[in-house]
């Protein structure tokens, strides 16, 4: 029963959105162009955000790779304290 109520509410909301959209297009034709411009701005900002996220991930991975390489280099070198020859 609750599932049907949720479904009916969602369908009714879509109907209201469609009616409002038709009303705006009919009575305010310039609004559609403005909405398209805003949609393009939103899409552009989303693309920029994705690029920034990718850059952050790449920077993180580069730091990790450098850190891992530094640790491997340090482990591969002999420890000078261990390998000191006692002076006579």
PDB file of N, CA and C in Angstrom:
ATOM      1  N   UNK A   1       0.821  -1.192   0.000  1.00  0.00           N
ATOM      2  CA  UNK A   1       0.000   0.000   0.000  1.00  0.00           C
ATOM      3  C   UNK A   1       0.873   1.267   0.000  1.00  0.00           C
ATOM      4  N   UNK A   2       1.890   1.299   0.862  1.00  0.00           N
ATOM      5  CA  UNK A   2       2.737   2.486   0.943  1.00  0.00           C
ATOM      6  C   UNK A   2       3.511   2.680  -0.357  1.00  0.00           C
ATOM      7  N   UNK A   3       3.901   1.568  -0.967  1.00  0.00           N
ATOM      8  CA  UNK A   3       4.616   1.644  -2.236  1.00  0.00           C
ATOM      9  C   UNK A   3       3.761   2.328  -3.299  1.00  0.00           C
ATOM     10  N   UNK A   4       2.482   1.998  -3.328  1.00  0.00           N
ATOM     11  CA  UNK A   4       1.573   2.612  -4.289  1.00  0.00           C
ATOM     12  C   UNK A   4       1.422   4.102  -4.014  1.00  0.00           C
ATOM     13  N   UNK A   5       1.367   4.492  -2.743  1.00  0.00           N
ATOM     14  CA  UNK A   5       1.243   5.907  -2.391  1.00  0.00           C
ATOM     15  C   UNK A   5       2.468   6.687  -2.858  1.00  0.00           C
ATOM     16  N   UNK A   6       3.631   6.107  -2.652  1.00  0.00           N
ATOM     17  CA  UNK A   6       4.865   6.765  -3.075  1.00  0.00           C
ATOM     18  C   UNK A   6       4.878   6.892  -4.594  1.00  0.00           C
ATOM     19  N   UNK A   7       4.478   5.849  -5.283  1.00  0.00           N
ATOM     20  CA  UNK A   7       4.445   5.860  -6.745  1.00  0.00           C
ATOM     21  C   UNK A   7       3.469   6.920  -7.249  1.00  0.00           C
ATOM     22  N   UNK A   8       2.279   6.968  -6.665  1.00  0.00           N
ATOM     23  CA  UNK A   8       1.271   7.954  -7.074  1.00  0.00           C
ATOM     24  C   UNK A   8       1.771   9.374  -6.819  1.00  0.00           C
ATOM     25  N   UNK A   9       2.430   9.580  -5.676  1.00  0.00           N
ATOM     26  CA  UNK A   9       2.947  10.913  -5.363  1.00  0.00           C
ATOM     27  C   UNK A   9       4.020  11.318  -6.370  1.00  0.00           C
ATOM     28  N   UNK A  10       4.891  10.388  -6.728  1.00  0.00           N
ATOM     29  CA  UNK A  10       5.952  10.693  -7.692  1.00  0.00           C
ATOM     30  C   UNK A  10       5.351  11.025  -9.059  1.00  0.00           C
ATOM     31  N   UNK A  11       4.363  10.259  -9.480  1.00  0.00           N
ATOM     32  CA  UNK A  11       3.713  10.513 -10.772  1.00  0.00           C
ATOM     33  C   UNK A  11       3.023  11.872 -10.756  1.00  0.00           C
ATOM     34  N   UNK A  12       2.330  12.189  -9.675  1.00  0.00           N
ATOM     35  CA  UNK A  12       1.643  13.486  -9.564  1.00  0.00           C
ATOM     36  C   UNK A  12       2.649  14.631  -9.603  1.00  0.00           C
ATOM     37  N   UNK A  13       3.771  14.465  -8.937  1.00  0.00           N
ATOM     38  CA  UNK A  13       4.805  15.505  -8.975  1.00  0.00           C
ATOM     39  C   UNK A  13       5.323  15.722 -10.397  1.00  0.00           C
ATOM     40  N   UNK A  14       5.505  14.635 -11.142  1.00  0.00           N
ATOM     41  CA  UNK A  14       5.941  14.768 -12.534  1.00  0.00           C
ATOM     42  C   UNK A  14       4.884  15.474 -13.377  1.00  0.00           C
ATOM     43  N   UNK A  15       3.615  15.172 -13.134  1.00  0.00           N
ATOM     44  CA  UNK A  15       2.532  15.860 -13.854  1.00  0.00           C
ATOM     45  C   UNK A  15       2.551  17.358 -13.572  1.00  0.00           C
ATOM     46  N   UNK A  16       2.753  17.723 -12.308  1.00  0.00           N
ATOM     47  CA  UNK A  16       2.788  19.136 -11.931  1.00  0.00           C
ATOM     48  C   UNK A  16       3.968  19.836 -12.594  1.00  0.00           C
ATOM     49  N   UNK A  17       5.114  19.180 -12.596  1.00  0.00           N
ATOM     50  CA  UNK A  17       6.282  19.758 -13.261  1.00  0.00           C
ATOM     51  C   UNK A  17       6.043  19.966 -14.754  1.00  0.00           C
ATOM     52  N   UNK A  18       5.411  18.994 -15.389  1.00  0.00           N
ATOM     53  CA  UNK A  18       5.101  19.114 -16.814  1.00  0.00           C
ATOM     54  C   UNK A  18       4.144  20.266 -17.087  1.00  0.00           C
ATOM     55  N   UNK A  19       3.106  20.392 -16.258  1.00  0.00           N
ATOM     56  CA  UNK A  19       2.148  21.481 -16.428  1.00  0.00           C
ATOM     57  C   UNK A  19       2.828  22.836 -16.227  1.00  0.00           C
ATOM     58  N   UNK A  20       3.667  22.925 -15.206  1.00  0.00           N
ATOM     59  CA  UNK A  20       4.370  24.180 -14.949  1.00  0.00           C
ATOM     60  C   UNK A  20       5.308  24.519 -16.099  1.00  0.00           C
ATOM     61  N   UNK A  21       5.980  23.521 -16.630  1.00  0.00           N
ATOM     62  CA  UNK A  21       6.889  23.730 -17.750  1.00  0.00           C
ATOM     63  C   UNK A  21       6.138  24.251 -18.974  1.00  0.00           C
ATOM     64  N   UNK A  22       5.000  23.646 -19.276  1.00  0.00           N
ATOM     65  CA  UNK A  22       4.191  24.100 -20.419  1.00  0.00           C
ATOM     66  C   UNK A  22       3.696  25.525 -20.206  1.00  0.00           C
ATOM     67  N   UNK A  23       3.280  25.846 -19.002  1.00  0.00           N
ATOM     68  CA  UNK A  23       2.787  27.185 -18.687  1.00  0.00           C
ATOM     69  C   UNK A  23       3.896  28.217 -18.889  1.00  0.00           C
ATOM     70  N   UNK A  24       5.084  27.904 -18.395  1.00  0.00           N
ATOM     71  CA  UNK A  24       6.204  28.845 -18.527  1.00  0.00           C
ATOM     72  C   UNK A  24       6.562  29.053 -19.994  1.00  0.00           C
ATOM     73  N   UNK A  25       6.615  27.964 -20.762  1.00  0.00           N
ATOM     74  CA  UNK A  25       6.946  28.090 -22.181  1.00  0.00           C
ATOM     75  C   UNK A  25       5.905  28.919 -22.933  1.00  0.00           C
ATOM     76  N   UNK A  26       4.660  28.757 -22.563  1.00  0.00           N
ATOM     77  CA  UNK A  26       3.573  29.467 -23.253  1.00  0.00           C
ATOM     78  C   UNK A  26       3.552  30.952 -22.879  1.00  0.00           C
ATOM     79  N   UNK A  27       3.688  31.275 -21.596  1.00  0.00           N
ATOM     80  CA  UNK A  27       3.522  32.644 -21.125  1.00  0.00           C
ATOM     81  C   UNK A  27       4.833  33.421 -21.001  1.00  0.00           C
ATOM     82  N   UNK A  28       5.945  32.733 -20.902  1.00  0.00           N
ATOM     83  CA  UNK A  28       7.255  33.383 -20.759  1.00  0.00           C
ATOM     84  C   UNK A  28       8.270  32.699 -21.674  1.00  0.00           C
ATOM     85  N   UNK A  29       8.163  32.945 -22.985  1.00  0.00           N
ATOM     86  CA  UNK A  29       9.038  32.218 -23.916  1.00  0.00           C
ATOM     87  C   UNK A  29      10.536  32.494 -23.693  1.00  0.00           C
ATOM     88  N   UNK A  30      10.908  33.639 -23.177  1.00  0.00           N
ATOM     89  CA  UNK A  30      12.320  33.936 -22.937  1.00  0.00           C
ATOM     90  C   UNK A  30      12.897  33.132 -21.788  1.00  0.00           C
ATOM     91  N   UNK A  31      12.041  32.630 -20.917  1.00  0.00           N
ATOM     92  CA  UNK A  31      12.512  31.864 -19.756  1.00  0.00           C
ATOM     93  C   UNK A  31      13.165  30.557 -20.173  1.00  0.00           C
ATOM     94  N   UNK A  32      12.689  29.965 -21.255  1.00  0.00           N
ATOM     95  CA  UNK A  32      13.281  28.699 -21.711  1.00  0.00           C
ATOM     96  C   UNK A  32      14.736  28.909 -22.096  1.00  0.00           C
ATOM     97  N   UNK A  33      15.025  30.043 -22.781  1.00  0.00           N
ATOM     98  CA  UNK A  33      16.406  30.340 -23.167  1.00  0.00           C
ATOM     99  C   UNK A  33      17.272  30.553 -21.930  1.00  0.00           C
ATOM    100  N   UNK A  34      16.731  31.260 -20.950  1.00  0.00           N
ATOM    101  CA  UNK A  34      17.454  31.495 -19.709  1.00  0.00           C
ATOM    102  C   UNK A  34      17.726  30.176 -18.982  1.00  0.00           C
ATOM    103  N   UNK A  35      16.718  29.297 -18.966  1.00  0.00           N
ATOM    104  CA  UNK A  35      16.895  27.987 -18.323  1.00  0.00           C
ATOM    105  C   UNK A  35      17.961  27.176 -19.039  1.00  0.00           C
ATOM    106  N   UNK A  36      17.990  27.247 -20.375  1.00  0.00           N
ATOM    107  CA  UNK A  36      19.025  26.538 -21.133  1.00  0.00           C
ATOM    108  C   UNK A  36      20.403  27.075 -20.782  1.00  0.00           C
ATOM    109  N   UNK A  37      20.512  28.418 -20.670  1.00  0.00           N
ATOM    110  CA  UNK A  37      21.794  29.014 -20.305  1.00  0.00           C
ATOM    111  C   UNK A  37      22.234  28.536 -18.926  1.00  0.00           C
ATOM    112  N   UNK A  38      21.297  28.498 -17.976  1.00  0.00           N
ATOM    113  CA  UNK A  38      21.642  28.034 -16.634  1.00  0.00           C
ATOM    114  C   UNK A  38      22.034  26.561 -16.652  1.00  0.00           C
ATOM    115  N   UNK A  39      21.330  25.772 -17.466  1.00  0.00           N
ATOM    116  CA  UNK A  39      21.664  24.351 -17.562  1.00  0.00           C
ATOM    117  C   UNK A  39      23.083  24.179 -18.090  1.00  0.00           C
ATOM    118  N   UNK A  40      23.454  24.986 -19.091  1.00  0.00           N
ATOM    119  CA  UNK A  40      24.814  24.910 -19.633  1.00  0.00           C
ATOM    120  C   UNK A  40      25.832  25.330 -18.579  1.00  0.00           C
ATOM    121  N   UNK A  41      25.495  26.351 -17.791  1.00  0.00           N
ATOM    122  CA  UNK A  41      26.404  26.792 -16.736  1.00  0.00           C
ATOM    123  C   UNK A  41      26.589  25.698 -15.688  1.00  0.00           C
ATOM    124  N   UNK A  42      25.491  25.026 -15.341  1.00  0.00           N
ATOM    125  CA  UNK A  42      25.571  23.942 -14.357  1.00  0.00           C
ATOM    126  C   UNK A  42      26.422  22.805 -14.897  1.00  0.00           C
ATOM    127  N   UNK A  43      26.184  22.445 -16.160  1.00  0.00           N
ATOM    128  CA  UNK A  43      26.971  21.370 -16.759  1.00  0.00           C
ATOM    129  C   UNK A  43      28.454  21.727 -16.808  1.00  0.00           C
ATOM    130  N   UNK A  44      28.749  22.981 -17.160  1.00  0.00           N
ATOM    131  CA  UNK A  44      30.150  23.416 -17.217  1.00  0.00           C
ATOM    132  C   UNK A  44      30.784  23.361 -15.826  1.00  0.00           C
ATOM    133  N   UNK A  45      30.048  23.814 -14.819  1.00  0.00           N
ATOM    134  CA  UNK A  45      30.607  23.779 -13.465  1.00  0.00           C
ATOM    135  C   UNK A  45      30.808  22.346 -12.986  1.00  0.00           C
ATOM    136  N   UNK A  46      29.912  21.441 -13.385  1.00  0.00           N
ATOM    137  CA  UNK A  46      30.087  20.033 -13.024  1.00  0.00           C
ATOM    138  C   UNK A  46      31.331  19.452 -13.698  1.00  0.00           C
ATOM    139  N   UNK A  47      31.550  19.819 -14.964  1.00  0.00           N
ATOM    140  CA  UNK A  47      32.750  19.337 -15.661  1.00  0.00           C
ATOM    141  C   UNK A  47      34.010  19.853 -14.978  1.00  0.00           C
ATOM    142  N   UNK A  48      33.994  21.131 -14.597  1.00  0.00           N
ATOM    143  CA  UNK A  48      35.158  21.713 -13.920  1.00  0.00           C
ATOM    144  C   UNK A  48      35.405  21.005 -12.598  1.00  0.00           C
ATOM    145  N   UNK A  49      34.322  20.733 -11.859  1.00  0.00           N
ATOM    146  CA  UNK A  49      34.466  20.043 -10.568  1.00  0.00           C
ATOM    147  C   UNK A  49      35.056  18.651 -10.767  1.00  0.00           C
ATOM    148  N   UNK A  50      34.603  17.949 -11.804  1.00  0.00           N
ATOM    149  CA  UNK A  50      35.152  16.613 -12.070  1.00  0.00           C
ATOM    150  C   UNK A  50      36.638  16.702 -12.400  1.00  0.00           C
ATOM    151  N   UNK A  51      37.022  17.713 -13.210  1.00  0.00           N
ATOM    152  CA  UNK A  51      38.439  17.878 -13.538  1.00  0.00           C
ATOM    153  C   UNK A  51      39.254  18.159 -12.290  1.00  0.00           C
ATOM    154  N   UNK A  52      38.711  19.007 -11.415  1.00  0.00           N
ATOM    155  CA  UNK A  52      39.430  19.330 -10.180  1.00  0.00           C
ATOM    156  C   UNK A  52      39.569  18.095  -9.302  1.00  0.00           C
ATOM    157  N   UNK A  53      38.516  17.280  -9.245  1.00  0.00           N
ATOM    158  CA  UNK A  53      38.594  16.039  -8.469  1.00  0.00           C
ATOM    159  C   UNK A  53      39.653  15.122  -9.056  1.00  0.00           C
ATOM    160  N   UNK A  54      39.687  15.016 -10.389  1.00  0.00           N
ATOM    161  CA  UNK A  54      40.688  14.165 -11.031  1.00  0.00           C
ATOM    162  C   UNK A  54      42.090  14.676 -10.737  1.00  0.00           C
ATOM    163  N   UNK A  55      42.265  15.987 -10.781  1.00  0.00           N
ATOM    164  CA  UNK A  55      43.581  16.544 -10.474  1.00  0.00           C
ATOM    165  C   UNK A  55      43.985  16.229  -9.043  1.00  0.00           C
ATOM    166  N   UNK A  56      43.027  16.317  -8.128  1.00  0.00           N
ATOM    167  CA  UNK A  56      43.326  16.018  -6.727  1.00  0.00           C
ATOM    168  C   UNK A  56      43.724  14.548  -6.574  1.00  0.00           C
ATOM    169  N   UNK A  57      43.027  13.664  -7.286  1.00  0.00           N
ATOM    170  CA  UNK A  57      43.346  12.232  -7.217  1.00  0.00           C
ATOM    171  C   UNK A  57      44.729  11.974  -7.796  1.00  0.00           C
ATOM    172  N   UNK A  58      45.026  12.605  -8.929  1.00  0.00           N
ATOM    173  CA  UNK A  58      46.342  12.422  -9.551  1.00  0.00           C
ATOM    174  C   UNK A  58      47.444  12.931  -8.623  1.00  0.00           C
ATOM    175  N   UNK A  59      47.229  14.090  -8.014  1.00  0.00           N
ATOM    176  CA  UNK A  59      48.232  14.629  -7.092  1.00  0.00           C
ATOM    177  C   UNK A  59      48.435  13.688  -5.905  1.00  0.00           C
ATOM    178  N   UNK A  60      47.352  13.141  -5.384  1.00  0.00           N
ATOM    179  CA  UNK A  60      47.447  12.195  -4.273  1.00  0.00           C
ATOM    180  C   UNK A  60      48.245  10.962  -4.693  1.00  0.00           C
ATOM    181  N   UNK A  61      47.928  10.418  -5.862  1.00  0.00           N
ATOM    182  CA  UNK A  61      48.640   9.230  -6.336  1.00  0.00           C
ATOM    183  C   UNK A  61      50.118   9.525  -6.565  1.00  0.00           C
ATOM    184  N   UNK A  62      50.425  10.696  -7.092  1.00  0.00           N
ATOM    185  CA  UNK A  62      51.830  11.048  -7.291  1.00  0.00           C
ATOM    186  C   UNK A  62      52.561  11.109  -5.951  1.00  0.00           C
ATOM    187  N   UNK A  63      51.926  11.722  -4.947  1.00  0.00           N
ATOM    188  CA  UNK A  63      52.559  11.777  -3.622  1.00  0.00           C
ATOM    189  C   UNK A  63      52.762  10.377  -3.072  1.00  0.00           C
ATOM    190  N   UNK A  64      51.772   9.501  -3.244  1.00  0.00           N
ATOM    191  CA  UNK A  64      51.890   8.125  -2.759  1.00  0.00           C
ATOM    192  C   UNK A  64      53.034   7.397  -3.452  1.00  0.00           C
ATOM    193  N   UNK A  65      53.119   7.555  -4.777  1.00  0.00           N
ATOM    194  CA  UNK A  65      54.188   6.894  -5.524  1.00  0.00           C
ATOM    195  C   UNK A  65      55.553   7.396  -5.082  1.00  0.00           C
ATOM    196  N   UNK A  66      55.679   8.713  -4.905  1.00  0.00           N
ATOM    197  CA  UNK A  66      56.953   9.261  -4.447  1.00  0.00           C
ATOM    198  C   UNK A  66      57.300   8.749  -3.059  1.00  0.00           C
ATOM    199  N   UNK A  67      56.316   8.718  -2.175  1.00  0.00           N
ATOM    200  CA  UNK A  67      56.550   8.244  -0.807  1.00  0.00           C
ATOM    201  C   UNK A  67      56.973   6.770  -0.825  1.00  0.00           C
ATOM    202  N   UNK A  68      56.253   5.959  -1.601  1.00  0.00           N
ATOM    203  CA  UNK A  68      56.609   4.536  -1.703  1.00  0.00           C
ATOM    204  C   UNK A  68      58.012   4.352  -2.258  1.00  0.00           C
ATOM    205  N   UNK A  69      58.365   5.149  -3.272  1.00  0.00           N
ATOM    206  CA  UNK A  69      59.699   5.057  -3.859  1.00  0.00           C
ATOM    207  C   UNK A  69      60.753   5.461  -2.835  1.00  0.00           C
ATOM    208  N   UNK A  70      60.460   6.502  -2.070  1.00  0.00           N
ATOM    209  CA  UNK A  70      61.413   6.941  -1.047  1.00  0.00           C
ATOM    210  C   UNK A  70      61.609   5.853   0.008  1.00  0.00           C
ATOM    211  N   UNK A  71      60.532   5.215   0.417  1.00  0.00           N
ATOM    212  CA  UNK A  71      60.649   4.141   1.414  1.00  0.00           C
ATOM    213  C   UNK A  71      61.427   2.958   0.863  1.00  0.00           C
ATOM    214  N   UNK A  72      61.166   2.604  -0.389  1.00  0.00           N
ATOM    215  CA  UNK A  72      61.889   1.487  -0.997  1.00  0.00           C
ATOM    216  C   UNK A  72      63.370   1.808  -1.105  1.00  0.00           C
ATOM    217  N   UNK A  73      63.693   3.042  -1.485  1.00  0.00           N
ATOM    218  CA  UNK A  73      65.092   3.455  -1.600  1.00  0.00           C
ATOM    219  C   UNK A  73      65.761   3.397  -0.234  1.00  0.00           C
ATOM    220  N   UNK A  74      65.075   3.839   0.772  1.00  0.00           N
ATOM    221  CA  UNK A  74      65.649   3.847   2.116  1.00  0.00           C
ATOM    222  C   UNK A  74      65.887   2.419   2.607  1.00  0.00           C
ATOM    223  N   UNK A  75      64.933   1.519   2.321  1.00  0.00           N
ATOM    224  CA  UNK A  75      65.080   0.131   2.756  1.00  0.00           C
ATOM    225  C   UNK A  75      66.202  -0.579   2.008  1.00  0.00           C
ATOM    226  N   UNK A  76      66.428  -0.185   0.756  1.00  0.00           N
ATOM    227  CA  UNK A  76      67.432  -0.889  -0.049  1.00  0.00           C
ATOM    228  C   UNK A  76      68.857  -0.456   0.294  1.00  0.00           C
ATOM    229  N   UNK A  77      69.011   0.705   0.924  1.00  0.00           N
ATOM    230  CA  UNK A  77      70.355   1.147   1.330  1.00  0.00           C
ATOM    231  C   UNK A  77      70.762   0.455   2.625  1.00  0.00           C
ATOM    232  N   UNK A  78      72.030   0.110   2.713  1.00  0.00           N
ATOM    233  CA  UNK A  78      72.487  -0.478   3.981  1.00  0.00           C
ATOM    234  C   UNK A  78      72.496   0.587   5.074  1.00  0.00           C
ATOM    235  N   UNK A  79      72.189   0.170   6.262  1.00  0.00           N
ATOM    236  CA  UNK A  79      72.196   1.069   7.416  1.00  0.00           C
ATOM    237  C   UNK A  79      73.642   1.296   7.835  1.00  0.00           C
ATOM    238  N   UNK A  80      74.138   2.538   7.788  1.00  0.00           N
ATOM    239  CA  UNK A  80      75.543   2.775   8.128  1.00  0.00           C
ATOM    240  C   UNK A  80      75.873   2.420   9.576  1.00  0.00           C
ATOM    241  N   UNK A  81      74.936   2.526  10.475  1.00  0.00           N
ATOM    242  CA  UNK A  81      75.198   2.193  11.875  1.00  0.00           C
ATOM    243  C   UNK A  81      75.452   0.699  12.037  1.00  0.00           C
ATOM    244  N   UNK A  82      74.812  -0.118  11.262  1.00  0.00           N
ATOM    245  CA  UNK A  82      75.001  -1.565  11.360  1.00  0.00           C
ATOM    246  C   UNK A  82      76.311  -2.026  10.758  1.00  0.00           C
ATOM    247  N   UNK A  83      76.722  -1.352   9.733  1.00  0.00           N
ATOM    248  CA  UNK A  83      77.858  -1.835   8.943  1.00  0.00           C
ATOM    249  C   UNK A  83      79.142  -1.074   9.250  1.00  0.00           C
ATOM    250  N   UNK A  84      79.231  -0.460  10.378  1.00  0.00           N
ATOM    251  CA  UNK A  84      80.466   0.254  10.737  1.00  0.00           C
ATOM    252  C   UNK A  84      81.539  -0.758  11.107  1.00  0.00           C
ATOM    253  N   UNK A  85      82.661  -0.463  10.636  1.00  0.00           N
ATOM    254  CA  UNK A  85      83.801  -1.306  10.983  1.00  0.00           C
ATOM    255  C   UNK A  85      84.456  -0.670  12.208  1.00  0.00           C
ATOM    256  N   UNK A  86      84.693  -1.490  13.182  1.00  0.00           N
ATOM    257  CA  UNK A  86      85.293  -0.970  14.413  1.00  0.00           C
ATOM    258  C   UNK A  86      86.714  -0.505  14.120  1.00  0.00           C
ATOM    259  N   UNK A  87      87.025   0.682  14.547  1.00  0.00           N
ATOM    260  CA  UNK A  87      88.371   1.218  14.334  1.00  0.00           C
ATOM    261  C   UNK A  87      89.297   0.688  15.425  1.00  0.00           C
ATOM    262  N   UNK A  88      90.451   0.358  15.007  1.00  0.00           N
ATOM    263  CA  UNK A  88      91.432  -0.146  15.960  1.00  0.00           C
ATOM    264  C   UNK A  88      92.446   0.880  16.298  1.00  0.00           C
TER     265      UNK A  88
END
